[in-house]
Amino acid sequence: MAGGFVSQTPGVRNYNYKLTPKVFVTCFIGAFGGLIFGYDLGISGGVTSMEPFLEEFFPYVYKKMKNAHENEYCRFDSQLLTLFTSSLYVAALISSLFASTITRVFGRKWSMFLGGFTFFIGSAFNGFAQNIAMLLIGRILLGFGVGFANQSVPVYLSEMAPPNLRGAFNNGFQVAIIFGIVVATIINYFTAQMKGNIGWRISLGLACVPAVMIMIGALILPDTPNSLIERGYTEEAKQMLQSIRGTNEVDEEFQDLIDASEESKQVKHPWKNILLPRYRPQLIMTCFIPFFQQLTGINVITFYAPVLFQTLGFGSKASLLSAMVTGIIELLCTFVSVFTVDRFGRRVLFLQGGIQMLISQIAIGAMIGVKFGVAGTGNIGKSDANAIVALICIYVAGFAWSWGPLGWLVPSEISPLEIRSAAQAINVSVNMFFTFLVAQLFLTMLCHMKFGLFFFFAFFVVIMTVFIYLMLPETKNVPIEEMNRVWKAHWFWGKFIPDEAVNMGAAEMQQKSV
């Protein structure tokens, strides 16, 4: 039975609405979009640790892995092997630059469908790959799918959700990504035990399942009221709003959507405007938060957990099992952020998570250094190996309720309407670029920096934690329209925000900016 609610957030309008079945369906669609991204994140690291896959496509790496005298840090060092993982993120970066145009012109649902379709074709290329070229083409197509899905699905969720549930729906998207990772690691665990080349082909080919789910969902679901208004279908938009809110009393919210659309049409130069001094806080945050998120080192665990665990002396089966455990820990701990971010605030989770990651990374680096040294030829006992897995789980937990979800949430909520599209594009682009960079360079860095690599990431965790403490004001429960008040009150950013900006609307800000 749908329940009725009235938003009570201070400073914003109160809308009457009910939680209708259509709203819950959009949550499932968001999960489908998160699953394709998460599944790929989890599947690639497991596949690159499977011996039949390495023997088929990367025989040089396979021979090094089998060499008993090989430096443990360098067993998997191969730029071609890392290109298999990282090529997806270059494609996602490129597609994200023009996916927003398709999303705006043709609607959110068709961008979602295109993302699912290209991901489906990419999974077929990978599942039936006969050579490196087919693998890389498949990865590029998967990347285009991820780029389109990550651009359109969160927007679709936000626009369909009732106003005071947007945060929960967006964090649900992050949960779905982690769920996709867990599903992938479980699949890898079982397919790795299959004989011959069938195991890794099943792992890569099953990416078609979440792709089909998002395609079917995109065909079934209607477009959002915002998109319909943007494309001139005003009457259809009002009918859709009434349908998803479960009431005919939507005039106030509908008028706000009309006003927001008119204001957005007045924004002629968002890329030029974001460089103005008054938007300096948003520009810095949308650049540095995704940059720091990738330099926490989390994608070292996400991409290469099985490879990393094998480097530490685990067998193939044990390494995949350990990766599955860390994925489940990350999934469970992401829910901590879902239920606490609006209670304790962004800063508390950022700072606590940063300290937890720092301590665990230093401990991991120290233990690996003691056991393997610089030469990388030592051995690690079962108890020490289990201790390292426990430390990695502690590290993953700290990330899961801090920099994981908040790295996406904060940049998306701090920008005013007139620069929001440009700010979000910067956020996604910076994130994907450094995701590619870390994925491409990690195995080489591990080979050359050895256990010092963990101290390298720990150093950046110190920098980012200090950055958050000094530079990020608390944005909990602050309406986007009132965000300038937060920046104005900040000890550093206040000097960039003109006094009139505190009470100025988006349209007026645009007129002052041009």
Protein backbone atom coordinates (compact mmCIF):
# COMPACT_ATOMS: atom_id res chain seq x y z
CA MET A 1 0.00 0.00 0.00
CA ALA A 2 1.53 3.34 -1.02
CA GLY A 3 2.04 5.74 1.82
CA GLY A 4 1.47 9.47 1.81
CA PHE A 5 4.17 11.95 2.78
CA VAL A 6 4.77 15.67 3.03
CA SER A 7 8.32 16.98 2.80
CA GLN A 8 9.29 18.89 5.94
CA THR A 9 12.78 20.05 5.00
CA PRO A 10 13.25 23.68 6.11
CA GLY A 11 13.75 26.23 3.37
CA VAL A 12 12.19 24.23 0.55
CA ARG A 13 8.65 23.78 -0.72
CA ASN A 14 6.50 20.98 0.71
CA TYR A 15 5.08 18.56 -1.85
CA ASN A 16 2.33 16.01 -1.26
CA TYR A 17 3.19 12.62 -2.67
CA LYS A 18 2.88 8.86 -2.22
CA LEU A 19 5.49 6.16 -2.71
CA THR A 20 4.01 4.56 -5.82
CA PRO A 21 5.04 1.32 -7.53
CA LYS A 22 6.55 3.32 -10.38
CA VAL A 23 9.01 4.96 -7.99
CA PHE A 24 10.15 1.56 -6.71
CA VAL A 25 10.58 0.33 -10.28
CA THR A 26 12.98 3.20 -10.96
CA CYS A 27 15.06 1.95 -8.05
CA PHE A 28 15.33 -1.42 -9.81
CA ILE A 29 16.35 0.34 -13.02
CA GLY A 30 19.02 2.17 -11.07
CA ALA A 31 20.18 -1.18 -9.71
CA PHE A 32 20.44 -2.53 -13.25
CA GLY A 33 22.64 0.41 -14.25
CA GLY A 34 24.78 -0.03 -11.16
CA LEU A 35 25.05 -3.76 -11.77
CA ILE A 36 26.69 -3.41 -15.19
CA PHE A 37 29.33 -1.09 -13.76
CA GLY A 38 29.85 -3.16 -10.62
CA TYR A 39 29.88 -6.49 -12.47
CA ASP A 40 32.65 -5.29 -14.72
CA LEU A 41 34.65 -3.90 -11.80
CA GLY A 42 34.49 -7.26 -10.05
CA ILE A 43 34.85 -9.61 -12.99
CA SER A 44 37.98 -8.21 -14.65
CA GLY A 45 40.31 -8.72 -11.67
CA GLY A 46 39.19 -12.32 -11.18
CA VAL A 47 39.55 -13.21 -14.84
CA THR A 48 43.08 -11.80 -15.02
CA SER A 49 44.10 -14.18 -12.23
CA MET A 50 42.74 -17.30 -14.00
CA GLU A 51 45.54 -19.42 -15.45
CA PRO A 52 43.69 -20.55 -18.64
CA PHE A 53 42.94 -16.91 -19.49
CA LEU A 54 46.55 -15.84 -18.92
CA GLU A 55 47.91 -18.82 -20.86
CA GLU A 56 45.60 -18.03 -23.79
CA PHE A 57 46.16 -14.27 -24.11
CA PHE A 58 49.09 -13.33 -21.86
CA PRO A 59 51.57 -16.25 -21.99
CA TYR A 60 54.45 -14.03 -20.87
CA VAL A 61 52.62 -13.22 -17.62
CA TYR A 62 51.63 -16.86 -17.21
CA LYS A 63 55.26 -17.98 -17.43
CA LYS A 64 56.32 -15.38 -14.87
CA MET A 65 53.53 -16.46 -12.52
CA LYS A 66 54.74 -20.07 -12.74
CA ASN A 67 58.39 -19.15 -12.18
CA ALA A 68 59.21 -20.06 -8.56
CA HIS A 69 62.14 -17.66 -8.56
CA GLU A 70 60.18 -14.68 -9.84
CA ASN A 71 60.00 -11.56 -7.69
CA GLU A 72 56.60 -11.75 -5.98
CA TYR A 73 55.93 -8.06 -6.61
CA CYS A 74 56.44 -8.43 -10.38
CA ARG A 75 54.64 -11.67 -11.22
CA PHE A 76 51.78 -9.93 -13.03
CA ASP A 77 53.59 -6.83 -14.32
CA SER A 78 52.38 -6.33 -17.90
CA GLN A 79 51.14 -3.16 -19.57
CA LEU A 80 49.09 -5.25 -22.00
CA LEU A 81 47.39 -7.07 -19.13
CA THR A 82 46.53 -3.82 -17.37
CA LEU A 83 45.30 -2.37 -20.67
CA PHE A 84 42.67 -5.15 -20.69
CA THR A 85 41.25 -3.64 -17.48
CA SER A 86 41.91 0.07 -17.99
CA SER A 87 40.79 0.42 -21.63
CA LEU A 88 37.17 0.37 -20.46
CA TYR A 89 37.63 3.59 -18.49
CA VAL A 90 39.08 5.50 -21.41
CA ALA A 91 36.00 4.56 -23.41
CA ALA A 92 33.74 5.52 -20.49
CA LEU A 93 35.50 8.88 -20.23
CA ILE A 94 35.00 9.59 -23.93
CA SER A 95 31.37 8.45 -23.99
CA SER A 96 30.51 10.52 -20.91
CA LEU A 97 31.46 13.68 -22.82
CA PHE A 98 28.66 13.25 -25.37
CA ALA A 99 26.23 11.01 -23.46
CA SER A 100 24.76 14.07 -21.75
CA THR A 101 23.70 15.50 -25.13
CA ILE A 102 21.92 12.28 -26.10
CA THR A 103 20.31 12.14 -22.66
CA ARG A 104 19.02 15.70 -23.03
CA VAL A 105 17.84 15.49 -26.66
CA PHE A 106 16.33 11.99 -26.78
CA GLY A 107 15.51 11.39 -23.11
CA ARG A 108 17.00 9.45 -20.22
CA LYS A 109 15.49 6.06 -21.10
CA TRP A 110 17.03 5.90 -24.59
CA SER A 111 20.44 6.78 -23.24
CA MET A 112 19.97 3.96 -20.71
CA PHE A 113 18.96 1.58 -23.51
CA LEU A 114 21.99 2.54 -25.59
CA GLY A 115 24.23 1.92 -22.59
CA GLY A 116 22.76 -1.53 -22.07
CA PHE A 117 22.97 -2.35 -25.78
CA THR A 118 26.65 -1.44 -26.20
CA PHE A 119 27.46 -3.28 -22.96
CA PHE A 120 25.67 -6.36 -24.34
CA ILE A 121 27.69 -6.27 -27.59
CA GLY A 122 30.89 -5.82 -25.60
CA SER A 123 30.12 -8.84 -23.42
CA ALA A 124 29.64 -10.95 -26.57
CA PHE A 125 33.01 -9.84 -27.95
CA ASN A 126 34.72 -10.73 -24.67
CA GLY A 127 32.92 -14.04 -24.15
CA PHE A 128 33.83 -15.28 -27.66
CA ALA A 129 37.24 -13.57 -27.88
CA GLN A 130 39.85 -15.36 -29.96
CA ASN A 131 42.64 -12.79 -29.68
CA ILE A 132 43.75 -9.64 -27.86
CA ALA A 133 42.06 -7.40 -30.43
CA MET A 134 38.64 -8.91 -29.74
CA LEU A 135 39.22 -8.56 -26.00
CA LEU A 136 40.10 -4.86 -26.28
CA ILE A 137 37.23 -4.11 -28.69
CA GLY A 138 34.88 -5.76 -26.23
CA ARG A 139 36.31 -3.73 -23.34
CA ILE A 140 35.89 -0.49 -25.28
CA LEU A 141 32.25 -1.32 -26.04
CA LEU A 142 31.69 -2.17 -22.37
CA GLY A 143 33.20 1.23 -21.53
CA PHE A 144 30.77 3.03 -23.81
CA GLY A 145 27.94 1.21 -22.07
CA VAL A 146 29.21 2.19 -18.63
CA GLY A 147 29.61 5.81 -19.72
CA PHE A 148 26.03 6.06 -20.98
CA ALA A 149 24.54 4.20 -18.02
CA ASN A 150 26.44 6.23 -15.42
CA GLN A 151 25.31 9.42 -17.13
CA SER A 152 21.62 8.61 -17.47
CA VAL A 153 20.60 6.21 -14.67
CA PRO A 154 21.44 8.49 -11.69
CA VAL A 155 19.67 11.38 -13.44
CA TYR A 156 16.64 9.18 -14.08
CA LEU A 157 16.54 8.08 -10.44
CA SER A 158 16.85 11.62 -9.09
CA GLU A 159 14.11 12.97 -11.33
CA MET A 160 11.65 10.16 -10.65
CA ALA A 161 12.20 9.98 -6.87
CA PRO A 162 10.22 12.15 -4.41
CA PRO A 163 12.34 15.19 -3.42
CA ASN A 164 13.27 14.16 0.12
CA LEU A 165 14.19 10.60 -0.92
CA ARG A 166 16.71 11.51 -3.62
CA GLY A 167 19.68 10.92 -1.34
CA ALA A 168 18.53 7.43 -0.42
CA PHE A 169 17.88 6.52 -4.06
CA ASN A 170 21.31 7.77 -5.16
CA ASN A 171 23.08 5.86 -2.39
CA GLY A 172 21.06 2.86 -3.49
CA PHE A 173 22.76 3.16 -6.88
CA GLN A 174 26.14 2.90 -5.12
CA VAL A 175 24.89 -0.16 -3.23
CA ALA A 176 23.94 -1.73 -6.56
CA ILE A 177 27.45 -1.14 -7.91
CA ILE A 178 28.95 -2.96 -4.93
CA PHE A 179 26.34 -5.72 -5.28
CA GLY A 180 27.47 -6.16 -8.88
CA ILE A 181 31.05 -6.53 -7.67
CA VAL A 182 30.04 -9.19 -5.14
CA VAL A 183 28.04 -11.15 -7.74
CA ALA A 184 31.03 -11.02 -10.09
CA THR A 185 33.47 -12.31 -7.47
CA ILE A 186 31.12 -15.18 -6.59
CA ILE A 187 30.83 -16.11 -10.27
CA ASN A 188 34.62 -15.93 -10.65
CA TYR A 189 35.09 -18.21 -7.66
CA PHE A 190 33.08 -20.99 -9.31
CA THR A 191 34.11 -20.49 -12.94
CA ALA A 192 37.81 -20.51 -11.97
CA GLN A 193 37.38 -24.15 -10.96
CA MET A 194 36.19 -25.18 -14.44
CA LYS A 195 38.63 -26.94 -16.72
CA GLY A 196 39.89 -25.39 -19.94
CA ASN A 197 38.82 -22.03 -21.35
CA ILE A 198 35.14 -22.26 -20.50
CA GLY A 199 35.42 -20.63 -17.05
CA TRP A 200 36.69 -17.20 -18.00
CA ARG A 201 34.40 -17.12 -21.05
CA ILE A 202 31.37 -17.65 -18.82
CA SER A 203 32.56 -14.93 -16.43
CA LEU A 204 32.98 -12.39 -19.23
CA GLY A 205 29.94 -13.51 -21.21
CA LEU A 206 27.53 -13.30 -18.26
CA ALA A 207 27.92 -9.52 -18.41
CA CYS A 208 25.13 -9.74 -20.98
CA VAL A 209 22.62 -10.52 -18.19
CA PRO A 210 22.63 -7.10 -16.45
CA ALA A 211 22.87 -5.52 -19.92
CA VAL A 212 19.62 -7.21 -21.00
CA MET A 213 18.00 -6.22 -17.71
CA ILE A 214 18.72 -2.52 -18.24
CA MET A 215 17.61 -2.67 -21.90
CA ILE A 216 14.27 -4.27 -21.01
CA GLY A 217 13.80 -1.85 -18.13
CA ALA A 218 14.51 1.13 -20.37
CA LEU A 219 11.90 -0.04 -22.87
CA ILE A 220 9.25 -0.61 -20.21
CA LEU A 221 9.64 2.53 -18.15
CA PRO A 222 8.40 5.99 -19.22
CA ASP A 223 10.65 9.01 -19.35
CA THR A 224 10.85 11.49 -16.49
CA PRO A 225 8.65 14.61 -16.18
CA ASN A 226 11.80 16.76 -16.31
CA SER A 227 12.91 15.25 -19.62
CA LEU A 228 9.42 15.51 -21.10
CA ILE A 229 9.24 19.22 -20.19
CA GLU A 230 12.74 19.76 -21.56
CA ARG A 231 11.65 18.29 -24.91
CA GLY A 232 8.37 20.25 -25.06
CA TYR A 233 5.88 17.58 -23.94
CA THR A 234 4.37 19.67 -21.14
CA GLU A 235 0.95 17.99 -20.84
CA GLU A 236 2.48 14.49 -20.89
CA ALA A 237 4.93 15.62 -18.22
CA LYS A 238 2.15 16.70 -15.87
CA GLN A 239 0.32 13.41 -16.35
CA MET A 240 3.52 11.50 -15.61
CA LEU A 241 4.16 13.56 -12.48
CA GLN A 242 0.65 12.81 -11.23
CA SER A 243 1.22 9.13 -11.93
CA ILE A 244 4.52 8.76 -10.09
CA ARG A 245 3.45 10.96 -7.15
CA GLY A 246 0.12 9.13 -6.71
CA THR A 247 -1.91 12.33 -6.54
CA ASN A 248 -3.45 14.94 -8.82
CA GLU A 249 -2.25 17.74 -6.52
CA VAL A 250 1.07 18.35 -8.23
CA ASP A 251 0.63 21.93 -9.45
CA GLU A 252 3.27 23.38 -7.14
CA GLU A 253 5.94 20.80 -7.98
CA PHE A 254 5.04 20.92 -11.67
CA GLN A 255 5.45 24.70 -11.73
CA ASP A 256 8.84 24.35 -10.05
CA LEU A 257 9.89 21.92 -12.80
CA ILE A 258 8.72 24.41 -15.44
CA ASP A 259 10.64 27.23 -13.74
CA ALA A 260 13.78 25.13 -13.41
CA SER A 261 13.61 24.21 -17.08
CA GLU A 262 13.24 27.87 -18.08
CA GLU A 263 16.17 28.86 -15.86
CA SER A 264 18.38 26.14 -17.30
CA LYS A 265 17.60 27.34 -20.83
CA GLN A 266 18.99 30.77 -19.88
CA VAL A 267 22.38 29.26 -19.06
CA LYS A 268 24.40 29.86 -22.21
CA HIS A 269 27.99 29.32 -21.05
CA PRO A 270 28.22 26.93 -18.07
CA TRP A 271 31.82 26.00 -18.93
CA LYS A 272 32.77 29.66 -19.00
CA ASN A 273 30.83 30.50 -15.86
CA ILE A 274 32.37 27.77 -13.72
CA LEU A 275 35.76 29.46 -14.11
CA LEU A 276 34.49 32.65 -12.46
CA PRO A 277 35.76 33.34 -8.90
CA ARG A 278 32.27 33.00 -7.39
CA TYR A 279 32.27 29.32 -8.40
CA ARG A 280 35.81 28.57 -7.21
CA PRO A 281 34.65 26.30 -4.33
CA GLN A 282 32.58 24.11 -6.64
CA LEU A 283 35.32 23.93 -9.28
CA ILE A 284 37.96 22.89 -6.74
CA MET A 285 35.73 20.30 -5.08
CA THR A 286 34.53 18.72 -8.34
CA CYS A 287 38.17 18.33 -9.40
CA PHE A 288 39.81 17.25 -6.15
CA ILE A 289 37.17 14.95 -4.63
CA PRO A 290 37.14 12.46 -7.57
CA PHE A 291 40.94 12.81 -7.82
CA PHE A 292 41.37 11.92 -4.17
CA GLN A 293 38.75 9.16 -4.35
CA GLN A 294 40.89 7.24 -6.83
CA LEU A 295 44.09 7.86 -4.88
CA THR A 296 42.66 6.19 -1.79
CA GLY A 297 43.89 3.04 -3.57
CA ILE A 298 40.48 1.37 -3.48
CA ASN A 299 40.55 0.38 -7.12
CA VAL A 300 43.74 -1.54 -6.46
CA ILE A 301 41.51 -3.79 -4.34
CA THR A 302 38.49 -3.65 -6.67
CA PHE A 303 40.38 -4.37 -9.92
CA TYR A 304 43.18 -6.58 -8.77
CA ALA A 305 42.13 -8.18 -5.47
CA PRO A 306 42.63 -11.78 -6.73
CA VAL A 307 45.94 -10.84 -8.37
CA LEU A 308 47.03 -9.01 -5.21
CA PHE A 309 46.13 -11.95 -2.98
CA GLN A 310 48.05 -14.32 -5.26
CA THR A 311 51.02 -11.98 -5.02
CA LEU A 312 50.78 -12.31 -1.24
CA GLY A 313 51.07 -16.09 -1.54
CA PHE A 314 47.43 -17.20 -1.68
CA GLY A 315 46.47 -19.98 -4.08
CA SER A 316 44.17 -19.20 -6.99
CA LYS A 317 41.06 -20.51 -5.23
CA ALA A 318 41.92 -18.85 -1.92
CA SER A 319 42.64 -15.52 -3.63
CA LEU A 320 39.22 -15.47 -5.30
CA LEU A 321 37.54 -16.43 -2.02
CA SER A 322 39.36 -13.61 -0.20
CA ALA A 323 38.30 -11.14 -2.91
CA MET A 324 34.69 -12.32 -2.47
CA VAL A 325 34.90 -11.73 1.30
CA THR A 326 36.22 -8.19 0.86
CA GLY A 327 33.45 -7.47 -1.67
CA ILE A 328 30.76 -8.61 0.76
CA ILE A 329 32.32 -6.46 3.50
CA GLU A 330 32.24 -3.45 1.16
CA LEU A 331 28.59 -4.09 0.28
CA LEU A 332 27.49 -4.34 3.91
CA CYS A 333 29.44 -1.29 5.00
CA THR A 334 28.03 0.84 2.17
CA PHE A 335 24.69 0.55 3.94
CA VAL A 336 26.29 2.33 6.92
CA SER A 337 26.58 5.44 4.78
CA VAL A 338 23.01 5.05 3.49
CA PHE A 339 21.63 5.15 7.03
CA THR A 340 24.05 7.64 8.65
CA VAL A 341 25.03 10.26 6.08
CA ASP A 342 22.01 12.47 6.80
CA ARG A 343 22.31 11.95 10.54
CA PHE A 344 26.01 12.44 11.25
CA GLY A 345 26.92 14.44 8.15
CA ARG A 346 29.43 14.19 5.33
CA ARG A 347 32.46 15.49 7.20
CA VAL A 348 32.27 12.97 10.04
CA LEU A 349 32.17 10.02 7.64
CA PHE A 350 34.93 11.48 5.45
CA LEU A 351 37.26 12.07 8.42
CA GLN A 352 36.55 8.81 10.26
CA GLY A 353 36.89 6.78 7.06
CA GLY A 354 40.13 8.54 6.17
CA ILE A 355 41.73 7.77 9.54
CA GLN A 356 40.61 4.12 9.34
CA MET A 357 42.03 3.73 5.82
CA LEU A 358 45.30 5.37 6.82
CA ILE A 359 45.96 3.09 9.79
CA SER A 360 45.10 -0.08 7.88
CA GLN A 361 47.19 0.86 4.82
CA ILE A 362 50.26 1.55 6.94
CA ALA A 363 49.80 -1.77 8.74
CA ILE A 364 49.37 -3.65 5.43
CA GLY A 365 52.48 -2.08 3.92
CA ALA A 366 54.53 -2.80 7.06
CA MET A 367 53.49 -6.47 7.19
CA ILE A 368 54.19 -7.06 3.50
CA GLY A 369 57.54 -5.27 3.84
CA VAL A 370 58.58 -7.46 6.76
CA LYS A 371 57.57 -10.68 5.00
CA PHE A 372 58.77 -10.01 1.46
CA GLY A 373 61.32 -7.24 1.94
CA VAL A 374 62.62 -5.33 -1.05
CA ALA A 375 63.63 -8.44 -2.98
CA GLY A 376 60.11 -9.86 -2.91
CA THR A 377 61.29 -13.42 -2.37
CA GLY A 378 60.04 -14.23 1.12
CA ASN A 379 57.17 -16.38 2.30
CA ILE A 380 54.05 -15.54 4.22
CA GLY A 381 52.41 -17.81 6.76
CA LYS A 382 48.72 -18.59 7.05
CA SER A 383 48.19 -16.48 10.18
CA ASP A 384 49.98 -13.47 8.67
CA ALA A 385 48.03 -13.87 5.42
CA ASN A 386 44.76 -13.92 7.34
CA ALA A 387 45.85 -10.82 9.26
CA ILE A 388 46.50 -8.99 5.97
CA VAL A 389 43.07 -10.00 4.66
CA ALA A 390 41.52 -8.67 7.89
CA LEU A 391 43.38 -5.37 7.50
CA ILE A 392 42.24 -5.10 3.89
CA CYS A 393 38.65 -5.65 5.06
CA ILE A 394 39.06 -2.87 7.64
CA TYR A 395 40.42 -0.60 4.92
CA VAL A 396 37.56 -1.49 2.54
CA ALA A 397 34.99 -0.83 5.28
CA GLY A 398 36.41 2.64 5.91
CA PHE A 399 36.18 3.45 2.21
CA ALA A 400 32.69 1.96 1.83
CA TRP A 401 31.04 4.38 4.24
CA SER A 402 33.12 7.44 3.36
CA TRP A 403 34.94 8.14 0.10
CA GLY A 404 32.96 5.51 -1.84
CA PRO A 405 29.43 6.96 -1.79
CA LEU A 406 30.40 10.48 -0.66
CA GLY A 407 32.87 10.86 -3.52
CA TRP A 408 29.82 10.89 -5.82
CA LEU A 409 27.27 12.50 -3.50
CA VAL A 410 29.08 15.69 -2.46
CA PRO A 411 30.11 16.92 -5.95
CA SER A 412 26.55 16.38 -7.17
CA GLU A 413 24.91 18.44 -4.42
CA ILE A 414 27.14 21.52 -4.09
CA SER A 415 26.68 23.21 -7.48
CA PRO A 416 23.93 25.70 -8.37
CA LEU A 417 21.77 25.11 -11.41
CA GLU A 418 23.64 27.42 -13.77
CA ILE A 419 26.89 25.41 -13.59
CA ARG A 420 25.57 21.99 -12.51
CA SER A 421 25.95 20.28 -15.89
CA ALA A 422 29.52 21.47 -16.32
CA ALA A 423 30.45 20.58 -12.74
CA GLN A 424 29.04 17.06 -13.03
CA ALA A 425 30.83 16.52 -16.34
CA ILE A 426 34.11 17.54 -14.69
CA ASN A 427 33.43 15.22 -11.76
CA VAL A 428 32.78 12.19 -14.00
CA SER A 429 35.68 12.96 -16.34
CA VAL A 430 38.23 13.40 -13.57
CA ASN A 431 37.01 10.22 -11.88
CA MET A 432 37.24 8.13 -15.04
CA PHE A 433 40.65 9.53 -16.01
CA PHE A 434 42.25 8.66 -12.69
CA THR A 435 40.44 5.32 -12.59
CA PHE A 436 42.14 4.54 -15.90
CA LEU A 437 45.49 5.81 -14.64
CA VAL A 438 45.45 3.74 -11.45
CA ALA A 439 44.24 0.64 -13.30
CA GLN A 440 46.93 0.99 -15.95
CA LEU A 441 49.87 1.71 -13.65
CA PHE A 442 49.15 -0.34 -10.51
CA LEU A 443 50.92 -3.59 -11.42
CA THR A 444 53.98 -1.71 -12.66
CA MET A 445 53.99 0.45 -9.52
CA LEU A 446 53.71 -2.68 -7.37
CA CYS A 447 56.70 -4.18 -9.19
CA HIS A 448 58.89 -1.09 -8.71
CA MET A 449 57.61 0.43 -5.47
CA LYS A 450 56.94 -2.94 -3.80
CA PHE A 451 55.41 -2.67 -0.31
CA GLY A 452 56.06 1.08 -0.48
CA LEU A 453 53.02 1.33 -2.79
CA PHE A 454 50.74 1.07 0.23
CA PHE A 455 52.62 3.91 1.92
CA PHE A 456 52.22 5.88 -1.32
CA PHE A 457 48.43 5.64 -1.11
CA ALA A 458 48.53 6.23 2.67
CA PHE A 459 50.32 9.53 2.02
CA PHE A 460 47.47 10.69 -0.22
CA VAL A 461 44.92 9.58 2.37
CA VAL A 462 46.63 11.96 4.83
CA ILE A 463 46.47 14.79 2.28
CA MET A 464 42.80 14.21 1.42
CA THR A 465 41.75 13.90 5.07
CA VAL A 466 43.41 17.23 5.89
CA PHE A 467 41.83 18.72 2.76
CA ILE A 468 38.33 17.66 3.88
CA TYR A 469 38.92 18.92 7.42
CA LEU A 470 40.05 22.37 6.27
CA MET A 471 38.17 22.96 3.02
CA LEU A 472 34.83 21.15 2.99
CA PRO A 473 31.96 22.68 4.99
CA GLU A 474 29.13 20.46 6.20
CA THR A 475 26.36 20.18 3.60
CA LYS A 476 24.02 17.89 5.53
CA ASN A 477 20.34 18.86 5.14
CA VAL A 478 21.25 22.04 3.23
CA PRO A 479 18.98 22.72 0.22
CA ILE A 480 20.93 23.16 -3.00
CA GLU A 481 19.37 26.60 -3.43
CA GLU A 482 20.89 27.64 -0.08
CA MET A 483 24.38 26.17 -0.64
CA ASN A 484 25.95 29.59 -1.21
CA ARG A 485 25.25 30.39 2.43
CA VAL A 486 27.46 27.49 3.45
CA TRP A 487 30.34 28.62 1.25
CA LYS A 488 29.92 32.24 2.36
CA ALA A 489 30.27 31.23 6.01
CA HIS A 490 33.44 29.20 5.37
CA TRP A 491 36.72 30.65 6.63
CA PHE A 492 38.42 30.36 3.22
CA TRP A 493 35.73 30.14 0.54
CA GLY A 494 33.72 33.06 1.94
CA LYS A 495 35.92 35.63 0.20
CA PHE A 496 35.00 34.20 -3.23
CA ILE A 497 31.23 34.41 -2.71
CA PRO A 498 29.77 37.89 -3.30
CA ASP A 499 27.24 39.08 -0.74
CA GLU A 500 24.44 39.29 -3.30
CA ALA A 501 24.99 35.63 -4.28
CA VAL A 502 23.60 34.43 -0.95
CA ASN A 503 20.06 35.51 -1.75
CA MET A 504 20.23 35.48 -5.54
CA GLY A 505 18.32 33.03 -7.70
CA ALA A 506 19.80 31.08 -10.56
CA ALA A 507 18.41 33.32 -13.29
CA GLU A 508 19.75 36.43 -11.58
CA MET A 509 23.13 34.76 -11.09
CA GLN A 510 23.24 33.99 -14.80
CA GLN A 511 22.54 37.62 -15.69
CA LYS A 512 25.34 38.75 -13.34
CA SER A 513 27.75 36.18 -14.79
CA VAL A 514 27.45 37.14 -18.47
